Amino acid sequence: MGTGDGMSNNVAEYAAVIRVFESLDAHPPGRVIIQGDSRLVINQLNGVWKLGEGLHRTAALEARGLLERLRGRGWQVELQWIPRKQNKECDALSKRPFTDAGAMQQVQPHGA
């Protein structure tokens, strides 16, 4: 997804949901439930939390625009938050590239 000053976990999480929305946009409308363990992303896209300032703002606005486009095309998109504890398999998959590169020790807090 990227590295450097413009990157954060929230930017990466929004980048992932943007990719999902872009993938859906290439297909005829249907119904989909998207589950995510990022409370920020799910609550902001559901309109529960306001979109504040931050590194993720540009990506959040893009995701909102894509979501509106999908819904305007007839997509029924439901966004659900699930706790990370209930999402262990996906959490592990998201860390696999770092683990494979031997970088997880740098990402994890000491003693984790």
N, C-alpha and C. Protein backbone atom coordinates (compact mmCIF):
# COMPACT_ATOMS: atom_id res chain seq x y z
N MET A 1 0.81 -1.19 0.00
CA MET A 1 0.00 0.00 0.00
C MET A 1 0.85 1.25 0.00
N GLY A 2 2.03 1.18 0.62
CA GLY A 2 2.89 2.34 0.63
C GLY A 2 3.63 2.49 1.94
N THR A 3 4.60 3.38 1.92
CA THR A 3 5.38 3.67 3.12
C THR A 3 5.69 5.16 3.14
N GLY A 4 6.20 5.62 4.25
CA GLY A 4 6.67 7.00 4.32
C GLY A 4 5.75 7.91 5.09
N ASP A 5 6.00 9.20 4.93
CA ASP A 5 5.29 10.21 5.71
C ASP A 5 3.79 10.24 5.47
N GLY A 6 3.33 9.88 4.29
CA GLY A 6 1.90 9.94 3.98
C GLY A 6 1.16 8.66 4.28
N MET A 7 1.81 7.72 4.96
CA MET A 7 1.21 6.41 5.20
C MET A 7 0.87 6.25 6.67
N SER A 8 -0.25 5.60 6.92
CA SER A 8 -0.64 5.22 8.27
C SER A 8 -1.51 3.97 8.15
N ASN A 9 -1.80 3.35 9.28
CA ASN A 9 -2.68 2.18 9.23
C ASN A 9 -4.06 2.57 8.67
N ASN A 10 -4.53 3.78 8.99
CA ASN A 10 -5.84 4.21 8.48
C ASN A 10 -5.81 4.42 6.97
N VAL A 11 -4.72 4.96 6.45
CA VAL A 11 -4.57 5.12 5.00
C VAL A 11 -4.59 3.75 4.34
N ALA A 12 -3.88 2.80 4.91
CA ALA A 12 -3.83 1.45 4.35
C ALA A 12 -5.20 0.79 4.40
N GLU A 13 -5.94 0.97 5.50
CA GLU A 13 -7.26 0.37 5.61
C GLU A 13 -8.23 0.99 4.60
N TYR A 14 -8.14 2.29 4.41
CA TYR A 14 -8.98 2.92 3.39
C TYR A 14 -8.56 2.46 1.99
N ALA A 15 -7.27 2.30 1.76
CA ALA A 15 -6.81 1.83 0.44
C ALA A 15 -7.39 0.46 0.14
N ALA A 16 -7.48 -0.39 1.15
CA ALA A 16 -8.05 -1.73 0.95
C ALA A 16 -9.53 -1.65 0.59
N VAL A 17 -10.28 -0.82 1.30
CA VAL A 17 -11.72 -0.73 1.00
C VAL A 17 -11.95 -0.07 -0.36
N ILE A 18 -11.08 0.84 -0.74
CA ILE A 18 -11.16 1.45 -2.08
C ILE A 18 -11.00 0.37 -3.14
N ARG A 19 -10.04 -0.53 -2.95
CA ARG A 19 -9.83 -1.62 -3.91
C ARG A 19 -11.07 -2.51 -4.00
N VAL A 20 -11.69 -2.77 -2.87
CA VAL A 20 -12.92 -3.58 -2.87
C VAL A 20 -14.01 -2.86 -3.67
N PHE A 21 -14.19 -1.57 -3.39
CA PHE A 21 -15.21 -0.80 -4.11
C PHE A 21 -14.93 -0.76 -5.60
N GLU A 22 -13.66 -0.57 -5.98
CA GLU A 22 -13.30 -0.55 -7.41
C GLU A 22 -13.60 -1.90 -8.06
N SER A 23 -13.34 -2.97 -7.35
CA SER A 23 -13.63 -4.31 -7.87
C SER A 23 -15.13 -4.50 -8.07
N LEU A 24 -15.92 -4.07 -7.10
CA LEU A 24 -17.38 -4.18 -7.22
C LEU A 24 -17.89 -3.35 -8.39
N ASP A 25 -17.30 -2.20 -8.60
CA ASP A 25 -17.77 -1.28 -9.65
C ASP A 25 -17.64 -1.90 -11.04
N ALA A 26 -16.80 -2.91 -11.18
CA ALA A 26 -16.60 -3.56 -12.47
C ALA A 26 -17.66 -4.63 -12.74
N HIS A 27 -18.58 -4.82 -11.80
CA HIS A 27 -19.59 -5.88 -11.93
C HIS A 27 -20.99 -5.29 -11.89
N PRO A 28 -21.96 -6.05 -12.38
CA PRO A 28 -23.36 -5.59 -12.28
C PRO A 28 -23.76 -5.45 -10.81
N PRO A 29 -24.67 -4.54 -10.53
CA PRO A 29 -25.09 -4.31 -9.14
C PRO A 29 -25.65 -5.56 -8.47
N GLY A 30 -25.41 -5.62 -7.18
CA GLY A 30 -25.91 -6.71 -6.35
C GLY A 30 -25.93 -6.27 -4.91
N ARG A 31 -25.93 -7.24 -4.03
CA ARG A 31 -25.92 -6.98 -2.59
C ARG A 31 -24.65 -7.55 -2.01
N VAL A 32 -23.99 -6.77 -1.17
CA VAL A 32 -22.75 -7.23 -0.56
C VAL A 32 -22.66 -6.71 0.87
N ILE A 33 -22.11 -7.55 1.74
CA ILE A 33 -21.82 -7.15 3.11
C ILE A 33 -20.30 -7.14 3.24
N ILE A 34 -19.76 -5.99 3.60
CA ILE A 34 -18.32 -5.85 3.78
C ILE A 34 -18.06 -5.73 5.27
N GLN A 35 -17.27 -6.64 5.79
CA GLN A 35 -16.92 -6.62 7.20
C GLN A 35 -15.49 -6.16 7.35
N GLY A 36 -15.25 -5.32 8.34
CA GLY A 36 -13.91 -4.83 8.59
C GLY A 36 -13.68 -4.62 10.07
N ASP A 37 -12.42 -4.73 10.47
CA ASP A 37 -12.11 -4.54 11.88
C ASP A 37 -11.57 -3.14 12.20
N SER A 38 -11.65 -2.25 11.23
CA SER A 38 -11.28 -0.86 11.48
C SER A 38 -12.53 -0.07 11.85
N ARG A 39 -12.66 0.23 13.11
CA ARG A 39 -13.83 0.99 13.57
C ARG A 39 -13.90 2.33 12.87
N LEU A 40 -12.75 2.96 12.68
CA LEU A 40 -12.70 4.27 12.03
C LEU A 40 -13.30 4.20 10.62
N VAL A 41 -12.80 3.29 9.81
CA VAL A 41 -13.25 3.18 8.42
C VAL A 41 -14.74 2.86 8.36
N ILE A 42 -15.17 1.85 9.08
CA ILE A 42 -16.57 1.44 9.02
C ILE A 42 -17.49 2.55 9.52
N ASN A 43 -17.16 3.15 10.65
CA ASN A 43 -18.03 4.19 11.21
C ASN A 43 -18.03 5.47 10.38
N GLN A 44 -16.90 5.82 9.79
CA GLN A 44 -16.89 7.01 8.93
C GLN A 44 -17.67 6.77 7.65
N LEU A 45 -17.51 5.61 7.05
CA LEU A 45 -18.25 5.32 5.81
C LEU A 45 -19.74 5.15 6.07
N ASN A 46 -20.10 4.70 7.26
CA ASN A 46 -21.52 4.58 7.61
C ASN A 46 -22.11 5.91 8.08
N GLY A 47 -21.29 6.94 8.19
CA GLY A 47 -21.78 8.25 8.61
C GLY A 47 -21.99 8.38 10.11
N VAL A 48 -21.52 7.42 10.87
CA VAL A 48 -21.66 7.46 12.33
C VAL A 48 -20.64 8.44 12.93
N TRP A 49 -19.43 8.42 12.39
CA TRP A 49 -18.37 9.32 12.84
C TRP A 49 -18.07 10.33 11.75
N LYS A 50 -17.80 11.56 12.16
CA LYS A 50 -17.43 12.60 11.20
C LYS A 50 -16.03 12.33 10.66
N LEU A 51 -15.80 12.82 9.48
CA LEU A 51 -14.50 12.70 8.86
C LEU A 51 -13.66 13.90 9.27
N GLY A 52 -12.67 13.66 10.11
CA GLY A 52 -11.81 14.74 10.58
C GLY A 52 -10.58 14.89 9.70
N GLU A 53 -9.64 15.63 10.20
CA GLU A 53 -8.37 15.81 9.50
C GLU A 53 -7.47 14.61 9.78
N GLY A 54 -6.52 14.39 8.94
CA GLY A 54 -5.58 13.29 9.14
C GLY A 54 -5.04 12.81 7.82
N LEU A 55 -4.05 11.97 7.91
CA LEU A 55 -3.43 11.42 6.70
C LEU A 55 -4.43 10.66 5.84
N HIS A 56 -5.43 10.08 6.47
CA HIS A 56 -6.40 9.24 5.75
C HIS A 56 -7.51 10.04 5.06
N ARG A 57 -7.58 11.33 5.26
CA ARG A 57 -8.71 12.12 4.77
C ARG A 57 -8.93 11.98 3.26
N THR A 58 -7.88 12.09 2.47
CA THR A 58 -8.01 11.99 1.01
C THR A 58 -8.55 10.62 0.61
N ALA A 59 -8.00 9.57 1.22
CA ALA A 59 -8.46 8.21 0.91
C ALA A 59 -9.91 8.02 1.37
N ALA A 60 -10.26 8.60 2.51
CA ALA A 60 -11.63 8.48 3.02
C ALA A 60 -12.62 9.15 2.07
N LEU A 61 -12.26 10.31 1.57
CA LEU A 61 -13.14 11.01 0.62
C LEU A 61 -13.29 10.20 -0.67
N GLU A 62 -12.20 9.60 -1.13
CA GLU A 62 -12.28 8.76 -2.33
C GLU A 62 -13.19 7.56 -2.08
N ALA A 63 -13.03 6.92 -0.92
CA ALA A 63 -13.87 5.77 -0.59
C ALA A 63 -15.34 6.16 -0.51
N ARG A 64 -15.62 7.29 0.11
CA ARG A 64 -17.01 7.77 0.19
C ARG A 64 -17.59 7.99 -1.20
N GLY A 65 -16.80 8.60 -2.08
CA GLY A 65 -17.26 8.84 -3.45
C GLY A 65 -17.55 7.55 -4.18
N LEU A 66 -16.68 6.57 -4.02
CA LEU A 66 -16.90 5.27 -4.67
C LEU A 66 -18.12 4.57 -4.10
N LEU A 67 -18.31 4.66 -2.79
CA LEU A 67 -19.47 4.05 -2.17
C LEU A 67 -20.76 4.69 -2.69
N GLU A 68 -20.76 6.00 -2.79
CA GLU A 68 -21.93 6.71 -3.35
C GLU A 68 -22.18 6.28 -4.79
N ARG A 69 -21.10 6.15 -5.56
CA ARG A 69 -21.23 5.71 -6.96
C ARG A 69 -21.85 4.31 -7.02
N LEU A 70 -21.35 3.40 -6.20
CA LEU A 70 -21.89 2.04 -6.19
C LEU A 70 -23.37 2.05 -5.85
N ARG A 71 -23.72 2.77 -4.81
CA ARG A 71 -25.12 2.82 -4.40
C ARG A 71 -25.98 3.48 -5.47
N GLY A 72 -25.43 4.48 -6.14
CA GLY A 72 -26.14 5.13 -7.23
C GLY A 72 -26.37 4.21 -8.41
N ARG A 73 -25.50 3.23 -8.60
CA ARG A 73 -25.65 2.24 -9.66
C ARG A 73 -26.58 1.11 -9.27
N GLY A 74 -27.03 1.11 -8.01
CA GLY A 74 -27.95 0.07 -7.56
C GLY A 74 -27.36 -0.96 -6.61
N TRP A 75 -26.10 -0.82 -6.28
CA TRP A 75 -25.49 -1.73 -5.32
C TRP A 75 -26.10 -1.52 -3.95
N GLN A 76 -26.35 -2.62 -3.25
CA GLN A 76 -26.73 -2.58 -1.85
C GLN A 76 -25.50 -2.98 -1.05
N VAL A 77 -24.87 -1.99 -0.45
CA VAL A 77 -23.61 -2.21 0.27
C VAL A 77 -23.85 -1.98 1.75
N GLU A 78 -23.59 -3.01 2.53
CA GLU A 78 -23.68 -2.91 3.99
C GLU A 78 -22.27 -3.04 4.56
N LEU A 79 -21.91 -2.13 5.44
CA LEU A 79 -20.59 -2.13 6.06
C LEU A 79 -20.74 -2.49 7.54
N GLN A 80 -20.07 -3.54 7.97
CA GLN A 80 -20.19 -4.01 9.35
C GLN A 80 -18.82 -4.02 10.02
N TRP A 81 -18.78 -3.52 11.25
CA TRP A 81 -17.55 -3.61 12.04
C TRP A 81 -17.55 -4.91 12.81
N ILE A 82 -16.42 -5.60 12.79
CA ILE A 82 -16.23 -6.79 13.61
C ILE A 82 -14.94 -6.62 14.40
N PRO A 83 -14.92 -7.03 15.64
CA PRO A 83 -13.71 -6.91 16.44
C PRO A 83 -12.56 -7.72 15.86
N ARG A 84 -11.36 -7.20 15.98
CA ARG A 84 -10.18 -7.88 15.44
C ARG A 84 -10.05 -9.29 16.02
N LYS A 85 -10.46 -9.47 17.27
CA LYS A 85 -10.38 -10.80 17.90
C LYS A 85 -11.22 -11.82 17.14
N GLN A 86 -12.28 -11.36 16.48
CA GLN A 86 -13.14 -12.25 15.69
C GLN A 86 -12.67 -12.31 14.24
N ASN A 87 -11.57 -11.66 13.94
CA ASN A 87 -11.09 -11.55 12.56
C ASN A 87 -9.63 -11.99 12.47
N LYS A 88 -9.26 -12.99 13.27
CA LYS A 88 -7.86 -13.40 13.38
C LYS A 88 -7.27 -13.86 12.05
N GLU A 89 -8.04 -14.60 11.26
CA GLU A 89 -7.52 -15.11 10.00
C GLU A 89 -7.16 -13.96 9.05
N CYS A 90 -8.05 -12.99 8.92
CA CYS A 90 -7.78 -11.85 8.05
C CYS A 90 -6.64 -11.00 8.59
N ASP A 91 -6.60 -10.83 9.91
CA ASP A 91 -5.52 -10.06 10.52
C ASP A 91 -4.18 -10.71 10.22
N ALA A 92 -4.12 -12.04 10.33
CA ALA A 92 -2.88 -12.77 10.03
C ALA A 92 -2.49 -12.63 8.56
N LEU A 93 -3.48 -12.72 7.66
CA LEU A 93 -3.20 -12.56 6.23
C LEU A 93 -2.67 -11.17 5.91
N SER A 94 -3.20 -10.15 6.61
CA SER A 94 -2.75 -8.79 6.34
C SER A 94 -1.31 -8.58 6.77
N LYS A 95 -0.84 -9.39 7.72
CA LYS A 95 0.54 -9.25 8.21
C LYS A 95 1.51 -10.17 7.49
N ARG A 96 1.00 -11.08 6.66
CA ARG A 96 1.85 -12.06 5.99
C ARG A 96 2.99 -11.45 5.18
N PRO A 97 2.73 -10.41 4.38
CA PRO A 97 3.85 -9.84 3.62
C PRO A 97 4.98 -9.34 4.52
N PHE A 98 4.63 -8.79 5.67
CA PHE A 98 5.65 -8.32 6.61
C PHE A 98 6.38 -9.50 7.24
N THR A 99 5.61 -10.53 7.60
CA THR A 99 6.20 -11.72 8.20
C THR A 99 7.14 -12.40 7.22
N ASP A 100 6.69 -12.56 5.97
CA ASP A 100 7.51 -13.20 4.95
C ASP A 100 8.80 -12.43 4.69
N ALA A 101 8.75 -11.12 4.85
CA ALA A 101 9.93 -10.28 4.63
C ALA A 101 10.79 -10.16 5.89
N GLY A 102 10.36 -10.81 6.99
CA GLY A 102 11.10 -10.72 8.23
C GLY A 102 10.97 -9.38 8.93
N ALA A 103 9.92 -8.65 8.62
CA ALA A 103 9.77 -7.30 9.17
C ALA A 103 8.81 -7.22 10.34
N MET A 104 8.14 -8.29 10.72
CA MET A 104 7.15 -8.20 11.78
C MET A 104 7.75 -7.80 13.12
N GLN A 105 9.00 -8.15 13.36
CA GLN A 105 9.62 -7.74 14.62
C GLN A 105 9.70 -6.22 14.69
N GLN A 106 9.82 -5.56 13.57
CA GLN A 106 9.87 -4.10 13.54
C GLN A 106 8.48 -3.50 13.72
N VAL A 107 7.45 -4.23 13.31
CA VAL A 107 6.08 -3.72 13.35
C VAL A 107 5.47 -3.95 14.72
N GLN A 108 5.72 -5.10 15.33
CA GLN A 108 5.12 -5.46 16.61
C GLN A 108 5.82 -4.75 17.76
N PRO A 109 5.05 -4.34 18.77
CA PRO A 109 5.66 -3.80 19.98
C PRO A 109 6.53 -4.84 20.66
N HIS A 110 7.52 -4.42 21.36
CA HIS A 110 8.43 -5.32 22.06
C HIS A 110 7.64 -6.23 23.01
N GLY A 111 7.89 -7.51 22.91
CA GLY A 111 7.23 -8.46 23.79
C GLY A 111 5.89 -8.94 23.28
N ALA A 112 5.48 -8.51 22.10
CA ALA A 112 4.17 -8.93 21.57
C ALA A 112 4.27 -10.31 20.95
